[in-house]
Amino acid sequence: MRMIDLSQPLHEGMPVYPGTPAPVFSTVTTVENHGYRVKKISMNTHVGTHMDAPAHMLAQGKTLDALPLERFMGRAAIVDVRACAGGAIGVKDLQAQEEWLAQVDFVLFWTGWSRYWGQEQYLRQYPVLTAEAASYLGKCQLKGVGIDAISFDAIDSNDFEIHQRLLAQELVLIENLTRLEEVQSGANFFALPLPLSGADGSPVRAFASQTEVI
């Protein structure tokens, strides 16, 4: 089996959603002065490769700790939407993958935007789902959806309609994925949040495992 890390690294100066604080790393102890090394990290729950719980935007939505561990793993389909750059991912784009959608637990949208990580372009023109496509996904018996972009809504969205529609179906959302071009549909996908009480979201270690073709 080949393991593919789909997570962006956490570090100071990393890209964050506009208007949210960047993570801060500080030294608590050092090997030289204390005999052991400890770092302190200050960050919000939606930094880096992270998962949104329904509670992120729904007043009565479930928090991550209210969901069973198996909700964070399963088979995934990779949907190539690079051709939708600067536009919308519609129902027809999903219907083209209908056979896979009936077999998997997660849909991961490969926009190609992870190549812009750390650049201004990362925050612009990535494709987003139409409202109809978001509702369509809600009928597919999925555990969650992921994307290699900063958000499921456009960066200038005020109502976060796509988030609202997906989270209302109790899907978990994984944003800021990377290396989706290396994953095959049918691979096992894992996105493991921290065990935070009352979590509206959490950074995750996202990865895929698949049989290596020799």
Protein backbone atom coordinates (compact mmCIF):
# COMPACT_ATOMS: atom_id res chain seq x y z
CA MET A 1 0.00 0.00 0.00
CA ARG A 2 1.14 3.53 -0.76
CA MET A 3 0.39 6.26 1.78
CA ILE A 4 -0.14 9.78 0.40
CA ASP A 5 -0.07 12.75 2.76
CA LEU A 6 -2.76 15.22 1.67
CA SER A 7 -2.12 17.82 4.40
CA GLN A 8 -0.54 21.25 4.15
CA PRO A 9 2.12 21.85 6.83
CA LEU A 10 1.34 24.15 9.75
CA HIS A 11 3.88 26.93 10.26
CA GLU A 12 4.17 30.64 10.94
CA GLY A 13 3.51 32.75 7.87
CA MET A 14 1.31 30.09 6.27
CA PRO A 15 -1.74 31.09 4.20
CA VAL A 16 -4.94 31.69 6.20
CA TYR A 17 -8.49 32.65 5.30
CA PRO A 18 -8.66 36.46 4.96
CA GLY A 19 -9.58 38.13 8.23
CA THR A 20 -8.56 35.22 10.45
CA PRO A 21 -5.42 35.17 12.61
CA ALA A 22 -2.31 33.35 11.48
CA PRO A 23 -0.91 30.68 13.79
CA VAL A 24 1.79 31.74 16.24
CA PHE A 25 4.52 29.37 17.40
CA SER A 26 6.60 30.19 20.46
CA THR A 27 9.22 28.41 22.52
CA VAL A 28 8.27 27.30 26.03
CA THR A 29 11.36 25.29 26.92
CA THR A 30 14.59 24.25 25.21
CA VAL A 31 16.83 21.22 25.53
CA GLU A 32 19.79 23.46 26.38
CA ASN A 33 18.05 25.30 29.24
CA HIS A 34 15.47 22.81 30.52
CA GLY A 35 16.48 19.39 29.25
CA TYR A 36 13.44 19.08 26.98
CA ARG A 37 11.88 20.99 24.11
CA VAL A 38 8.26 22.28 24.14
CA LYS A 39 6.52 24.59 21.68
CA LYS A 40 3.35 26.59 22.25
CA ILE A 41 0.97 27.00 19.32
CA SER A 42 -1.83 29.55 19.11
CA MET A 43 -4.19 28.97 16.18
CA ASN A 44 -7.85 28.89 15.28
CA THR A 45 -9.80 25.72 14.53
CA HIS A 46 -9.94 26.33 10.77
CA VAL A 47 -6.30 26.72 9.87
CA GLY A 48 -4.36 24.74 7.28
CA THR A 49 -5.86 21.47 6.08
CA HIS A 50 -8.89 21.36 8.33
CA MET A 51 -12.38 19.99 8.80
CA ASP A 52 -15.61 21.97 9.22
CA ALA A 53 -18.26 20.47 11.47
CA PRO A 54 -21.95 21.27 10.93
CA ALA A 55 -21.64 23.45 14.07
CA HIS A 56 -19.29 25.73 12.13
CA MET A 57 -22.23 27.54 10.56
CA LEU A 58 -25.41 25.95 11.91
CA ALA A 59 -26.69 27.03 15.32
CA GLN A 60 -27.93 23.51 16.10
CA GLY A 61 -25.29 21.69 14.07
CA LYS A 62 -23.25 18.83 15.50
CA THR A 63 -19.71 19.38 16.71
CA LEU A 64 -16.91 17.07 15.61
CA ASP A 65 -16.75 15.30 18.96
CA ALA A 66 -20.42 14.37 18.56
CA LEU A 67 -19.60 12.37 15.43
CA PRO A 68 -18.29 8.77 15.57
CA LEU A 69 -14.68 8.16 14.54
CA GLU A 70 -15.76 6.21 11.45
CA ARG A 71 -17.23 9.43 9.99
CA PHE A 72 -13.68 10.59 9.33
CA MET A 73 -12.58 7.74 7.07
CA GLY A 74 -13.81 5.79 4.05
CA ARG A 75 -13.41 5.32 0.32
CA ALA A 76 -13.05 8.43 -1.81
CA ALA A 77 -13.75 9.50 -5.36
CA ILE A 78 -11.50 12.11 -6.97
CA VAL A 79 -13.48 14.50 -9.17
CA ASP A 80 -11.27 16.41 -11.60
CA VAL A 81 -12.75 19.91 -11.88
CA ARG A 82 -9.67 21.73 -13.17
CA ALA A 83 -11.61 22.67 -16.29
CA CYS A 84 -14.02 24.64 -14.07
CA ALA A 85 -11.33 27.12 -12.94
CA GLY A 86 -12.79 30.58 -12.51
CA GLY A 87 -16.31 29.18 -12.76
CA ALA A 88 -18.74 26.77 -11.19
CA ILE A 89 -18.90 23.03 -10.57
CA GLY A 90 -22.36 22.00 -11.71
CA VAL A 91 -24.62 19.01 -11.37
CA LYS A 92 -23.49 17.70 -14.78
CA ASP A 93 -19.90 17.54 -13.50
CA LEU A 94 -21.12 15.33 -10.67
CA GLN A 95 -23.43 13.19 -12.78
CA ALA A 96 -20.41 12.30 -14.92
CA GLN A 97 -19.08 10.56 -11.79
CA GLU A 98 -22.41 9.04 -10.79
CA GLU A 99 -21.10 5.46 -10.73
CA TRP A 100 -18.35 6.39 -8.29
CA LEU A 101 -20.64 8.54 -6.14
CA ALA A 102 -22.76 5.48 -5.40
CA GLN A 103 -19.73 3.56 -4.10
CA VAL A 104 -17.77 6.00 -1.94
CA ASP A 105 -17.97 7.87 1.36
CA PHE A 106 -16.11 11.02 0.34
CA VAL A 107 -15.91 13.17 -2.77
CA LEU A 108 -12.65 15.10 -3.14
CA PHE A 109 -12.60 17.93 -5.67
CA TRP A 110 -9.32 18.30 -7.52
CA THR A 111 -9.25 21.95 -8.59
CA GLY A 112 -5.49 22.13 -9.03
CA TRP A 113 -5.38 25.15 -6.71
CA SER A 114 -2.94 23.59 -4.23
CA ARG A 115 -0.16 24.56 -6.65
CA TYR A 116 -0.85 28.18 -5.72
CA TRP A 117 -0.45 27.57 -1.96
CA GLY A 118 1.34 30.61 -0.50
CA GLN A 119 0.54 32.81 -3.51
CA GLU A 120 -2.14 35.48 -3.89
CA GLN A 121 -3.77 33.42 -6.66
CA TYR A 122 -4.70 30.79 -4.06
CA LEU A 123 -7.44 33.15 -2.85
CA ARG A 124 -8.89 33.89 -6.29
CA GLN A 125 -10.83 32.17 -9.08
CA TYR A 126 -10.91 28.65 -7.68
CA PRO A 127 -14.06 26.81 -8.84
CA VAL A 128 -16.97 26.49 -6.42
CA LEU A 129 -20.06 24.30 -6.41
CA THR A 130 -23.38 25.67 -7.58
CA ALA A 131 -26.20 25.56 -5.04
CA GLU A 132 -27.83 22.80 -7.08
CA ALA A 133 -24.63 20.74 -7.09
CA ALA A 134 -24.29 21.14 -3.32
CA SER A 135 -27.84 19.89 -2.85
CA TYR A 136 -27.15 17.00 -5.24
CA LEU A 137 -24.19 15.90 -3.11
CA GLY A 138 -26.44 15.92 -0.05
CA LYS A 139 -28.47 13.11 -1.61
CA CYS A 140 -25.48 10.85 -2.28
CA GLN A 141 -25.15 9.17 1.14
CA LEU A 142 -21.71 10.61 1.72
CA LYS A 143 -19.79 11.22 4.93
CA GLY A 144 -18.05 14.30 3.65
CA VAL A 145 -16.53 16.30 0.81
CA GLY A 146 -13.08 17.81 0.39
CA ILE A 147 -11.34 20.32 -1.83
CA ASP A 148 -7.78 21.47 -2.56
CA ALA A 149 -8.79 25.13 -2.24
CA ILE A 150 -9.32 27.48 0.68
CA SER A 151 -13.12 27.30 0.78
CA PHE A 152 -16.24 25.74 -0.69
CA ASP A 153 -17.64 29.25 -1.16
CA ALA A 154 -16.18 32.09 -3.18
CA ILE A 155 -13.75 34.22 -1.18
CA ASP A 156 -16.15 37.21 -1.30
CA SER A 157 -19.22 35.25 -0.20
CA ASN A 158 -21.31 36.82 2.56
CA ASP A 159 -23.95 34.13 3.02
CA PHE A 160 -21.77 31.00 2.62
CA GLU A 161 -24.61 29.27 0.82
CA ILE A 162 -22.56 26.25 -0.30
CA HIS A 163 -21.27 25.63 3.22
CA GLN A 164 -24.80 25.99 4.54
CA ARG A 165 -26.26 23.47 2.12
CA LEU A 166 -23.52 20.88 2.63
CA LEU A 167 -23.39 21.20 6.41
CA ALA A 168 -27.19 21.00 6.64
CA GLN A 169 -26.82 17.44 5.30
CA GLU A 170 -24.42 16.68 8.21
CA LEU A 171 -21.49 16.31 5.85
CA VAL A 172 -18.04 17.16 7.16
CA LEU A 173 -16.03 19.49 4.91
CA ILE A 174 -12.28 19.25 4.41
CA GLU A 175 -10.51 22.27 2.93
CA ASN A 176 -6.93 23.04 1.87
CA LEU A 177 -6.11 19.51 0.74
CA THR A 178 -3.08 18.92 -1.47
CA ARG A 179 -1.58 16.24 -3.78
CA LEU A 180 -4.99 15.04 -4.99
CA GLU A 181 -3.45 14.42 -8.41
CA GLU A 182 -1.70 11.41 -6.85
CA VAL A 183 -4.87 9.78 -5.53
CA GLN A 184 -6.99 7.31 -7.47
CA SER A 185 -10.75 7.05 -7.08
CA GLY A 186 -11.49 4.17 -4.76
CA ALA A 187 -8.56 4.92 -2.45
CA ASN A 188 -9.06 4.84 1.30
CA PHE A 189 -9.23 8.38 2.69
CA PHE A 190 -8.65 9.53 6.25
CA ALA A 191 -9.07 13.03 7.73
CA LEU A 192 -8.52 12.83 11.48
CA PRO A 193 -9.44 15.87 13.59
CA LEU A 194 -8.08 16.61 17.04
CA PRO A 195 -10.33 15.33 19.88
CA LEU A 196 -11.49 18.81 20.87
CA SER A 197 -14.61 19.17 23.02
CA GLY A 198 -17.33 21.20 21.31
CA ALA A 199 -15.25 21.56 18.14
CA ASP A 200 -16.75 23.61 15.29
CA GLY A 201 -13.70 22.51 13.30
CA SER A 202 -10.17 21.23 13.61
CA PRO A 203 -6.91 20.95 11.73
CA VAL A 204 -6.65 17.41 10.37
CA ARG A 205 -3.99 15.00 9.21
CA ALA A 206 -5.49 13.98 5.89
CA PHE A 207 -4.04 11.09 3.93
CA ALA A 208 -4.95 8.38 1.45
CA SER A 209 -3.86 4.78 1.10
CA GLN A 210 -4.02 2.91 -2.17
CA THR A 211 -2.52 -0.14 -3.80
CA GLU A 212 0.66 0.78 -5.63
CA VAL A 213 0.65 -0.29 -9.29
CA ILE A 214 3.89 -2.12 -10.14
